Amino acid sequence: MSSEPFGLVVCGMIDEIRRAYEKWGRQAVDLDLSEEAPDTAAAYQTTLAAPCSVTGPGTFFGQATRTLTFLPAEEPGWWFERSDLPESLPIRVSVHNVWTTARNIVLRSGSPHNYMRMVEHIIALRPGLQIDNLVIRADSGDPPLFDEGSIDLVRALETAGTRPLERPAEWMTVAEPITLGGRNGSFLTLLPGTAPTLQVDCATDFPNAIGRQRLRFTLNRGIFRRGAHARTNASAGMKLYCATIGKLFADIRNLGYTDKNILIAGKRRYLN
């Protein structure tokens, strides 16, 4: 076991992580919600009480309308089904099915055509709303966008409600502290827990309107619902690129992002 406060490094350079960790430790906390109580841990696994759907413009094909349908499931875990690929097997939400994380998390099972893009904000609903087993039926590999972040997804699942299954709930944690280091001083440390809760201490240090921020919280449904309103951030430089040179490339030209569903961070202020 490592004697460093960030534990065992499984990715990245130790010296870079040590400097980033020290910088993070010196940064003041702007908002501390860590004393809020977590939700009561369920004794049994849950699924939806009824199906529900959400519809919006495509993330990567903004001129198209995309729909996600959430369905109750007895089978353990979360699964994506592509209704436009009826002969393909469901895609289980698992680290083993991660295809790429280059720009967003893409899951794939079997054929390269059987994929689901930008699943991170969808998968976050699992711990945020304590839903263990679910099937998500999609009409393409391109998820819909919404003007208020992910709150449309939260509202749909809250309206559907949940029901317990006969299978006991299971919880796990890491055996020791582990850290992954990334670019530009980024890192992620996972610490062992003693209860079925998630506590987060997150900081940013960006050279634009986002700036330096640090937030602590203990996950519960109220905090998750508050965070679900958050929109994707993009820099003013990226907006300029997408509106000019990016138009030459189909993957940029067809994006469904607008001034309503993302926040444009300028050097000193948000542009929208």
C-alpha atoms as a PDB file:
ATOM      1  CA  MET A   1       0.000   0.000   0.000  1.00  0.00           C
ATOM      2  CA  SER A   2       1.339   3.451  -0.935  1.00  0.00           C
ATOM      3  CA  SER A   3       2.315   5.920   1.820  1.00  0.00           C
ATOM      4  CA  GLU A   4       1.265   8.842  -0.400  1.00  0.00           C
ATOM      5  CA  PRO A   5      -2.068  10.515   0.486  1.00  0.00           C
ATOM      6  CA  PHE A   6      -3.306   9.751  -3.034  1.00  0.00           C
ATOM      7  CA  GLY A   7      -2.503   6.054  -2.669  1.00  0.00           C
ATOM      8  CA  LEU A   8      -1.606   3.700  -5.476  1.00  0.00           C
ATOM      9  CA  VAL A   9      -1.153   5.410  -8.863  1.00  0.00           C
ATOM     10  CA  VAL A  10      -2.656   3.253 -11.607  1.00  0.00           C
ATOM     11  CA  CYS A  11      -2.346   5.841 -14.390  1.00  0.00           C
ATOM     12  CA  GLY A  12      -0.205   8.958 -14.821  1.00  0.00           C
ATOM     13  CA  MET A  13       3.114  10.218 -13.436  1.00  0.00           C
ATOM     14  CA  ILE A  14       3.586  10.278  -9.661  1.00  0.00           C
ATOM     15  CA  ASP A  15       5.497  13.598  -9.592  1.00  0.00           C
ATOM     16  CA  GLU A  16       2.801  15.362 -11.647  1.00  0.00           C
ATOM     17  CA  ILE A  17       0.051  13.912  -9.476  1.00  0.00           C
ATOM     18  CA  ARG A  18       1.884  14.947  -6.301  1.00  0.00           C
ATOM     19  CA  ARG A  19       2.116  18.574  -7.510  1.00  0.00           C
ATOM     20  CA  ALA A  20      -1.530  18.598  -8.592  1.00  0.00           C
ATOM     21  CA  TYR A  21      -2.618  17.018  -5.307  1.00  0.00           C
ATOM     22  CA  GLU A  22      -0.768  19.673  -3.291  1.00  0.00           C
ATOM     23  CA  LYS A  23      -2.317  22.458  -5.408  1.00  0.00           C
ATOM     24  CA  TRP A  24      -5.779  20.979  -4.928  1.00  0.00           C
ATOM     25  CA  GLY A  25      -5.229  20.759  -1.169  1.00  0.00           C
ATOM     26  CA  ARG A  26      -4.373  24.475  -0.979  1.00  0.00           C
ATOM     27  CA  GLN A  27      -7.454  25.574  -2.914  1.00  0.00           C
ATOM     28  CA  ALA A  28     -10.259  27.047  -0.781  1.00  0.00           C
ATOM     29  CA  VAL A  29     -13.663  25.321  -0.686  1.00  0.00           C
ATOM     30  CA  ASP A  30     -16.358  27.564  -2.196  1.00  0.00           C
ATOM     31  CA  LEU A  31     -19.405  25.440  -1.358  1.00  0.00           C
ATOM     32  CA  ASP A  32     -19.495  22.677   1.261  1.00  0.00           C
ATOM     33  CA  LEU A  33     -22.554  20.412   1.226  1.00  0.00           C
ATOM     34  CA  SER A  34     -20.762  17.431   2.736  1.00  0.00           C
ATOM     35  CA  GLU A  35     -22.769  17.593   5.968  1.00  0.00           C
ATOM     36  CA  GLU A  36     -26.046  16.911   4.170  1.00  0.00           C
ATOM     37  CA  ALA A  37     -27.379  13.444   4.940  1.00  0.00           C
ATOM     38  CA  PRO A  38     -27.200  10.761   2.252  1.00  0.00           C
ATOM     39  CA  ASP A  39     -30.330   8.940   1.162  1.00  0.00           C
ATOM     40  CA  THR A  40     -31.199   5.839   3.136  1.00  0.00           C
ATOM     41  CA  ALA A  41     -29.595   2.849   1.481  1.00  0.00           C
ATOM     42  CA  ALA A  42     -32.152   0.439   0.055  1.00  0.00           C
ATOM     43  CA  ALA A  43     -32.072  -3.136   1.341  1.00  0.00           C
ATOM     44  CA  TYR A  44     -33.190  -4.519  -2.024  1.00  0.00           C
ATOM     45  CA  GLN A  45     -32.373  -3.694  -5.622  1.00  0.00           C
ATOM     46  CA  THR A  46     -34.847  -1.494  -7.467  1.00  0.00           C
ATOM     47  CA  THR A  47     -36.215  -0.973 -10.949  1.00  0.00           C
ATOM     48  CA  LEU A  48     -38.779   1.348 -12.513  1.00  0.00           C
ATOM     49  CA  ALA A  49     -42.428   0.977 -11.588  1.00  0.00           C
ATOM     50  CA  ALA A  50     -43.485   1.947 -15.133  1.00  0.00           C
ATOM     51  CA  PRO A  51     -41.909   2.801 -18.515  1.00  0.00           C
ATOM     52  CA  CYS A  52     -41.189   6.408 -19.453  1.00  0.00           C
ATOM     53  CA  SER A  53     -39.678   8.278 -22.424  1.00  0.00           C
ATOM     54  CA  VAL A  54     -37.830  11.505 -23.206  1.00  0.00           C
ATOM     55  CA  THR A  55     -37.343  13.128 -26.619  1.00  0.00           C
ATOM     56  CA  GLY A  56     -35.054  15.884 -27.871  1.00  0.00           C
ATOM     57  CA  PRO A  57     -32.786  16.923 -30.748  1.00  0.00           C
ATOM     58  CA  GLY A  58     -29.812  14.671 -31.413  1.00  0.00           C
ATOM     59  CA  THR A  59     -26.493  15.476 -29.741  1.00  0.00           C
ATOM     60  CA  PHE A  60     -24.429  14.664 -32.822  1.00  0.00           C
ATOM     61  CA  PHE A  61     -27.217  14.995 -35.405  1.00  0.00           C
ATOM     62  CA  GLY A  62     -29.033  18.121 -34.299  1.00  0.00           C
ATOM     63  CA  GLN A  63     -31.566  18.112 -37.147  1.00  0.00           C
ATOM     64  CA  ALA A  64     -32.898  14.710 -36.048  1.00  0.00           C
ATOM     65  CA  THR A  65     -35.219  13.915 -33.135  1.00  0.00           C
ATOM     66  CA  ARG A  66     -33.980  11.274 -30.701  1.00  0.00           C
ATOM     67  CA  THR A  67     -35.918   9.325 -28.061  1.00  0.00           C
ATOM     68  CA  LEU A  68     -34.844   7.333 -25.022  1.00  0.00           C
ATOM     69  CA  THR A  69     -37.349   4.933 -23.450  1.00  0.00           C
ATOM     70  CA  PHE A  70     -36.622   3.679 -19.930  1.00  0.00           C
ATOM     71  CA  LEU A  71     -38.061   0.245 -19.144  1.00  0.00           C
ATOM     72  CA  PRO A  72     -38.295  -1.821 -15.930  1.00  0.00           C
ATOM     73  CA  ALA A  73     -35.912  -4.792 -15.829  1.00  0.00           C
ATOM     74  CA  GLU A  74     -35.464  -7.882 -13.679  1.00  0.00           C
ATOM     75  CA  GLU A  75     -32.011  -8.582 -15.150  1.00  0.00           C
ATOM     76  CA  PRO A  76     -29.254  -7.089 -12.943  1.00  0.00           C
ATOM     77  CA  GLY A  77     -27.601  -3.917 -14.213  1.00  0.00           C
ATOM     78  CA  TRP A  78     -28.305  -1.225 -16.805  1.00  0.00           C
ATOM     79  CA  TRP A  79     -28.632  -2.084 -20.495  1.00  0.00           C
ATOM     80  CA  PHE A  80     -28.938  -0.125 -23.743  1.00  0.00           C
ATOM     81  CA  GLU A  81     -31.033  -1.552 -26.588  1.00  0.00           C
ATOM     82  CA  ARG A  82     -30.837  -0.076 -30.094  1.00  0.00           C
ATOM     83  CA  SER A  83     -34.347  -0.332 -31.552  1.00  0.00           C
ATOM     84  CA  ASP A  84     -32.903   0.594 -34.958  1.00  0.00           C
ATOM     85  CA  LEU A  85     -30.649  -2.493 -34.766  1.00  0.00           C
ATOM     86  CA  PRO A  86     -33.150  -5.205 -33.806  1.00  0.00           C
ATOM     87  CA  GLU A  87     -30.695  -8.056 -34.457  1.00  0.00           C
ATOM     88  CA  SER A  88     -28.017  -6.654 -32.130  1.00  0.00           C
ATOM     89  CA  LEU A  89     -27.614  -7.746 -28.521  1.00  0.00           C
ATOM     90  CA  PRO A  90     -28.203  -5.249 -25.687  1.00  0.00           C
ATOM     91  CA  ILE A  91     -25.170  -3.261 -24.516  1.00  0.00           C
ATOM     92  CA  ARG A  92     -24.500  -3.746 -20.832  1.00  0.00           C
ATOM     93  CA  VAL A  93     -23.305  -0.685 -18.913  1.00  0.00           C
ATOM     94  CA  SER A  94     -19.908  -2.024 -17.893  1.00  0.00           C
ATOM     95  CA  VAL A  95     -16.284  -0.971 -18.006  1.00  0.00           C
ATOM     96  CA  HIS A  96     -15.741  -4.020 -20.218  1.00  0.00           C
ATOM     97  CA  ASN A  97     -17.931  -2.459 -22.923  1.00  0.00           C
ATOM     98  CA  VAL A  98     -16.231   0.953 -23.003  1.00  0.00           C
ATOM     99  CA  TRP A  99     -15.134   1.567 -26.615  1.00  0.00           C
ATOM    100  CA  THR A 100     -13.556   5.000 -26.202  1.00  0.00           C
ATOM    101  CA  THR A 101     -13.397   7.936 -23.794  1.00  0.00           C
ATOM    102  CA  ALA A 102     -11.607  10.320 -26.193  1.00  0.00           C
ATOM    103  CA  ARG A 103     -14.359  12.982 -26.257  1.00  0.00           C
ATOM    104  CA  ASN A 104     -17.115  11.248 -24.312  1.00  0.00           C
ATOM    105  CA  ILE A 105     -17.850   7.758 -23.038  1.00  0.00           C
ATOM    106  CA  VAL A 106     -18.961   5.415 -25.819  1.00  0.00           C
ATOM    107  CA  LEU A 107     -20.224   1.915 -25.039  1.00  0.00           C
ATOM    108  CA  ARG A 108     -20.244  -0.845 -27.644  1.00  0.00           C
ATOM    109  CA  SER A 109     -21.143  -4.525 -27.825  1.00  0.00           C
ATOM    110  CA  GLY A 110     -20.282  -6.748 -30.784  1.00  0.00           C
ATOM    111  CA  SER A 111     -20.590  -4.933 -34.100  1.00  0.00           C
ATOM    112  CA  PRO A 112     -18.983  -1.461 -34.394  1.00  0.00           C
ATOM    113  CA  HIS A 113     -22.446  -0.227 -35.392  1.00  0.00           C
ATOM    114  CA  ASN A 114     -23.937  -1.324 -32.039  1.00  0.00           C
ATOM    115  CA  TYR A 115     -22.768   1.580 -29.869  1.00  0.00           C
ATOM    116  CA  MET A 116     -24.169   4.317 -27.622  1.00  0.00           C
ATOM    117  CA  ARG A 117     -22.414   7.682 -27.423  1.00  0.00           C
ATOM    118  CA  MET A 118     -22.107  10.189 -24.574  1.00  0.00           C
ATOM    119  CA  VAL A 119     -23.602   7.892 -21.950  1.00  0.00           C
ATOM    120  CA  GLU A 120     -21.968   9.500 -18.881  1.00  0.00           C
ATOM    121  CA  HIS A 121     -24.886  11.798 -17.999  1.00  0.00           C
ATOM    122  CA  ILE A 122     -27.354   8.931 -18.486  1.00  0.00           C
ATOM    123  CA  ILE A 123     -25.407   6.447 -16.346  1.00  0.00           C
ATOM    124  CA  ALA A 124     -25.129   9.061 -13.566  1.00  0.00           C
ATOM    125  CA  LEU A 125     -28.862   8.562 -12.998  1.00  0.00           C
ATOM    126  CA  ARG A 126     -28.142   5.124 -11.533  1.00  0.00           C
ATOM    127  CA  PRO A 127     -26.493   6.245  -8.265  1.00  0.00           C
ATOM    128  CA  GLY A 128     -28.251   9.623  -8.268  1.00  0.00           C
ATOM    129  CA  LEU A 129     -31.745   8.119  -8.226  1.00  0.00           C
ATOM    130  CA  GLN A 130     -30.847   4.690  -6.776  1.00  0.00           C
ATOM    131  CA  ILE A 131     -32.166   2.614  -9.684  1.00  0.00           C
ATOM    132  CA  ASP A 132     -30.281  -0.675  -9.950  1.00  0.00           C
ATOM    133  CA  ASN A 133     -31.815  -2.475 -12.937  1.00  0.00           C
ATOM    134  CA  LEU A 134     -33.024  -0.810 -16.115  1.00  0.00           C
ATOM    135  CA  VAL A 135     -33.263  -1.162 -19.897  1.00  0.00           C
ATOM    136  CA  ILE A 136     -32.821   1.984 -21.986  1.00  0.00           C
ATOM    137  CA  ARG A 137     -34.213   1.658 -25.496  1.00  0.00           C
ATOM    138  CA  ALA A 138     -32.700   4.124 -27.969  1.00  0.00           C
ATOM    139  CA  ASP A 139     -33.646   4.783 -31.588  1.00  0.00           C
ATOM    140  CA  SER A 140     -29.995   5.441 -32.517  1.00  0.00           C
ATOM    141  CA  GLY A 141     -26.548   5.611 -30.964  1.00  0.00           C
ATOM    142  CA  ASP A 142     -26.985   9.388 -30.654  1.00  0.00           C
ATOM    143  CA  PRO A 143     -28.638  10.526 -27.368  1.00  0.00           C
ATOM    144  CA  PRO A 144     -31.008  13.518 -27.197  1.00  0.00           C
ATOM    145  CA  LEU A 145     -30.085  16.971 -25.884  1.00  0.00           C
ATOM    146  CA  PHE A 146     -32.109  19.167 -23.544  1.00  0.00           C
ATOM    147  CA  ASP A 147     -32.040  22.873 -22.689  1.00  0.00           C
ATOM    148  CA  GLU A 148     -31.779  22.174 -18.936  1.00  0.00           C
ATOM    149  CA  GLY A 149     -28.971  19.657 -18.690  1.00  0.00           C
ATOM    150  CA  SER A 150     -30.252  16.253 -17.541  1.00  0.00           C
ATOM    151  CA  ILE A 151     -33.222  17.382 -15.464  1.00  0.00           C
ATOM    152  CA  ASP A 152     -35.651  16.143 -18.157  1.00  0.00           C
ATOM    153  CA  LEU A 153     -34.293  12.638 -17.574  1.00  0.00           C
ATOM    154  CA  VAL A 154     -34.631  13.012 -13.804  1.00  0.00           C
ATOM    155  CA  ARG A 155     -38.227  14.233 -14.064  1.00  0.00           C
ATOM    156  CA  ALA A 156     -39.204  11.362 -16.342  1.00  0.00           C
ATOM    157  CA  LEU A 157     -37.775   8.717 -14.002  1.00  0.00           C
ATOM    158  CA  GLU A 158     -39.274  10.383 -10.935  1.00  0.00           C
ATOM    159  CA  THR A 159     -42.689  10.353 -12.603  1.00  0.00           C
ATOM    160  CA  ALA A 160     -42.326   6.653 -13.446  1.00  0.00           C
ATOM    161  CA  GLY A 161     -41.369   5.805  -9.859  1.00  0.00           C
ATOM    162  CA  THR A 162     -39.482   2.754  -8.602  1.00  0.00           C
ATOM    163  CA  ARG A 163     -40.309  -0.603  -7.068  1.00  0.00           C
ATOM    164  CA  PRO A 164     -38.157  -3.043  -5.071  1.00  0.00           C
ATOM    165  CA  LEU A 165     -37.067  -6.411  -6.389  1.00  0.00           C
ATOM    166  CA  GLU A 166     -36.513  -9.565  -4.364  1.00  0.00           C
ATOM    167  CA  ARG A 167     -32.743  -9.403  -4.942  1.00  0.00           C
ATOM    168  CA  PRO A 168     -30.705  -7.889  -2.045  1.00  0.00           C
ATOM    169  CA  ALA A 169     -28.809  -4.686  -2.827  1.00  0.00           C
ATOM    170  CA  GLU A 170     -25.044  -5.006  -3.197  1.00  0.00           C
ATOM    171  CA  TRP A 171     -22.355  -2.413  -2.443  1.00  0.00           C
ATOM    172  CA  MET A 172     -18.629  -2.372  -2.990  1.00  0.00           C
ATOM    173  CA  THR A 173     -15.683  -0.041  -2.510  1.00  0.00           C
ATOM    174  CA  VAL A 174     -11.987   0.052  -3.405  1.00  0.00           C
ATOM    175  CA  ALA A 175      -9.619  -1.935  -1.164  1.00  0.00           C
ATOM    176  CA  GLU A 176      -7.156   0.965  -0.833  1.00  0.00           C
ATOM    177  CA  PRO A 177      -6.766   4.560  -2.110  1.00  0.00           C
ATOM    178  CA  ILE A 178      -6.052   4.656  -5.845  1.00  0.00           C
ATOM    179  CA  THR A 179      -5.420   7.581  -8.199  1.00  0.00           C
ATOM    180  CA  LEU A 180      -5.547   8.148 -11.929  1.00  0.00           C
ATOM    181  CA  GLY A 181      -3.631  11.119 -13.305  1.00  0.00           C
ATOM    182  CA  GLY A 182      -4.586  12.940 -16.511  1.00  0.00           C
ATOM    183  CA  ARG A 183      -3.599  15.957 -18.552  1.00  0.00           C
ATOM    184  CA  ASN A 184      -3.211  19.548 -17.336  1.00  0.00           C
ATOM    185  CA  GLY A 185      -2.895  18.589 -13.684  1.00  0.00           C
ATOM    186  CA  SER A 186      -6.109  16.601 -13.533  1.00  0.00           C
ATOM    187  CA  PHE A 187      -6.480  13.571 -11.277  1.00  0.00           C
ATOM    188  CA  LEU A 188      -9.115  11.330  -9.724  1.00  0.00           C
ATOM    189  CA  THR A 189      -8.622   9.659  -6.344  1.00  0.00           C
ATOM    190  CA  LEU A 190     -10.925   6.923  -5.054  1.00  0.00           C
ATOM    191  CA  LEU A 191     -10.901   6.236  -1.309  1.00  0.00           C
ATOM    192  CA  PRO A 192     -12.376   3.241   0.535  1.00  0.00           C
ATOM    193  CA  GLY A 193     -15.780   3.860   2.077  1.00  0.00           C
ATOM    194  CA  THR A 194     -17.332   2.406   5.216  1.00  0.00           C
ATOM    195  CA  ALA A 195     -20.983   2.990   4.256  1.00  0.00           C
ATOM    196  CA  PRO A 196     -23.008   2.903   1.002  1.00  0.00           C
ATOM    197  CA  THR A 197     -22.516   6.621   0.309  1.00  0.00           C
ATOM    198  CA  LEU A 198     -20.607   8.743  -2.200  1.00  0.00           C
ATOM    199  CA  GLN A 199     -18.698  11.808  -0.991  1.00  0.00           C
ATOM    200  CA  VAL A 200     -17.088  14.105  -3.553  1.00  0.00           C
ATOM    201  CA  ASP A 201     -14.473  16.862  -3.248  1.00  0.00           C
ATOM    202  CA  CYS A 202     -13.983  18.407  -6.683  1.00  0.00           C
ATOM    203  CA  ALA A 203     -12.036  21.447  -7.874  1.00  0.00           C
ATOM    204  CA  THR A 204     -11.489  23.266 -11.173  1.00  0.00           C
ATOM    205  CA  ASP A 205      -8.866  25.788 -12.238  1.00  0.00           C
ATOM    206  CA  PHE A 206      -9.689  26.991 -15.764  1.00  0.00           C
ATOM    207  CA  PRO A 207      -8.267  30.078 -17.567  1.00  0.00           C
ATOM    208  CA  ASN A 208     -11.720  31.470 -18.376  1.00  0.00           C
ATOM    209  CA  ALA A 209     -15.021  32.412 -16.728  1.00  0.00           C
ATOM    210  CA  ILE A 210     -15.279  29.000 -15.063  1.00  0.00           C
ATOM    211  CA  GLY A 211     -12.132  29.852 -13.101  1.00  0.00           C
ATOM    212  CA  ARG A 212     -11.214  28.354  -9.733  1.00  0.00           C
ATOM    213  CA  GLN A 213     -14.022  26.543  -7.951  1.00  0.00           C
ATOM    214  CA  ARG A 214     -14.105  23.825  -5.303  1.00  0.00           C
ATOM    215  CA  LEU A 215     -17.190  21.923  -4.181  1.00  0.00           C
ATOM    216  CA  ARG A 216     -17.737  19.255  -1.529  1.00  0.00           C
ATOM    217  CA  PHE A 217     -20.915  17.230  -1.241  1.00  0.00           C
ATOM    218  CA  THR A 218     -22.392  13.984  -0.029  1.00  0.00           C
ATOM    219  CA  LEU A 219     -24.573  12.554  -2.772  1.00  0.00           C
ATOM    220  CA  ASN A 220     -28.291  12.460  -2.139  1.00  0.00           C
ATOM    221  CA  ARG A 221     -31.321  12.838  -4.365  1.00  0.00           C
ATOM    222  CA  GLY A 222     -31.717  16.564  -3.696  1.00  0.00           C
ATOM    223  CA  ILE A 223     -28.116  17.409  -4.549  1.00  0.00           C
ATOM    224  CA  PHE A 224     -28.226  15.182  -7.605  1.00  0.00           C
ATOM    225  CA  ARG A 225     -31.400  16.889  -8.805  1.00  0.00           C
ATOM    226  CA  ARG A 226     -29.750  20.286  -8.316  1.00  0.00           C
ATOM    227  CA  GLY A 227     -26.696  19.226 -10.302  1.00  0.00           C
ATOM    228  CA  ALA A 228     -28.842  17.755 -13.086  1.00  0.00           C
ATOM    229  CA  HIS A 229     -29.787  21.301 -14.160  1.00  0.00           C
ATOM    230  CA  ALA A 230     -26.164  21.997 -15.115  1.00  0.00           C
ATOM    231  CA  ARG A 231     -25.430  22.410 -18.813  1.00  0.00           C
ATOM    232  CA  THR A 232     -22.309  21.461 -20.726  1.00  0.00           C
ATOM    233  CA  ASN A 233     -19.603  24.141 -20.747  1.00  0.00           C
ATOM    234  CA  ALA A 234     -17.690  25.153 -23.869  1.00  0.00           C
ATOM    235  CA  SER A 235     -15.071  27.841 -24.331  1.00  0.00           C
ATOM    236  CA  ALA A 236     -15.580  30.874 -26.567  1.00  0.00           C
ATOM    237  CA  GLY A 237     -12.661  29.605 -28.660  1.00  0.00           C
ATOM    238  CA  MET A 238     -14.396  26.280 -29.242  1.00  0.00           C
ATOM    239  CA  LYS A 239     -17.611  28.069 -30.225  1.00  0.00           C
ATOM    240  CA  LEU A 240     -15.651  30.151 -32.754  1.00  0.00           C
ATOM    241  CA  TYR A 241     -14.018  27.013 -34.151  1.00  0.00           C
ATOM    242  CA  CYS A 242     -17.374  25.214 -34.501  1.00  0.00           C
ATOM    243  CA  ALA A 243     -18.921  28.229 -36.242  1.00  0.00           C
ATOM    244  CA  THR A 244     -16.054  28.639 -38.722  1.00  0.00           C
ATOM    245  CA  ILE A 245     -13.445  26.013 -39.606  1.00  0.00           C
ATOM    246  CA  GLY A 246     -15.440  23.282 -37.864  1.00  0.00           C
ATOM    247  CA  LYS A 247     -18.203  23.639 -40.459  1.00  0.00           C
ATOM    248  CA  LEU A 248     -15.914  21.773 -42.865  1.00  0.00           C
ATOM    249  CA  PHE A 249     -16.263  18.594 -40.800  1.00  0.00           C
ATOM    250  CA  ALA A 250     -19.507  16.632 -40.619  1.00  0.00           C
ATOM    251  CA  ASP A 251     -19.134  15.662 -36.951  1.00  0.00           C
ATOM    252  CA  ILE A 252     -18.912  19.366 -36.019  1.00  0.00           C
ATOM    253  CA  ARG A 253     -21.350  20.704 -38.610  1.00  0.00           C
ATOM    254  CA  ASN A 254     -24.138  18.379 -37.412  1.00  0.00           C
ATOM    255  CA  LEU A 255     -23.792  18.939 -33.662  1.00  0.00           C
ATOM    256  CA  GLY A 256     -27.046  19.732 -31.882  1.00  0.00           C
ATOM    257  CA  TYR A 257     -25.533  22.216 -29.429  1.00  0.00           C
ATOM    258  CA  THR A 258     -27.044  25.703 -29.290  1.00  0.00           C
ATOM    259  CA  ASP A 259     -26.740  28.818 -27.135  1.00  0.00           C
ATOM    260  CA  LYS A 260     -29.622  27.415 -25.058  1.00  0.00           C
ATOM    261  CA  ASN A 261     -28.324  23.951 -24.206  1.00  0.00           C
ATOM    262  CA  ILE A 262     -24.658  24.779 -23.502  1.00  0.00           C
ATOM    263  CA  LEU A 263     -22.868  27.548 -21.608  1.00  0.00           C
ATOM    264  CA  ILE A 264     -20.217  29.530 -23.509  1.00  0.00           C
ATOM    265  CA  ALA A 265     -17.401  30.580 -21.181  1.00  0.00           C
ATOM    266  CA  GLY A 266     -15.493  33.661 -22.308  1.00  0.00           C
ATOM    267  CA  LYS A 267     -12.291  34.909 -20.734  1.00  0.00           C
ATOM    268  CA  ARG A 268     -14.015  36.827 -17.926  1.00  0.00           C
ATOM    269  CA  ARG A 269     -17.728  36.100 -18.288  1.00  0.00           C
ATOM    270  CA  TYR A 270     -20.231  33.736 -19.829  1.00  0.00           C
ATOM    271  CA  LEU A 271     -21.328  34.893 -23.265  1.00  0.00           C
ATOM    272  CA  ASN A 272     -24.876  33.549 -22.907  1.00  0.00           C
END
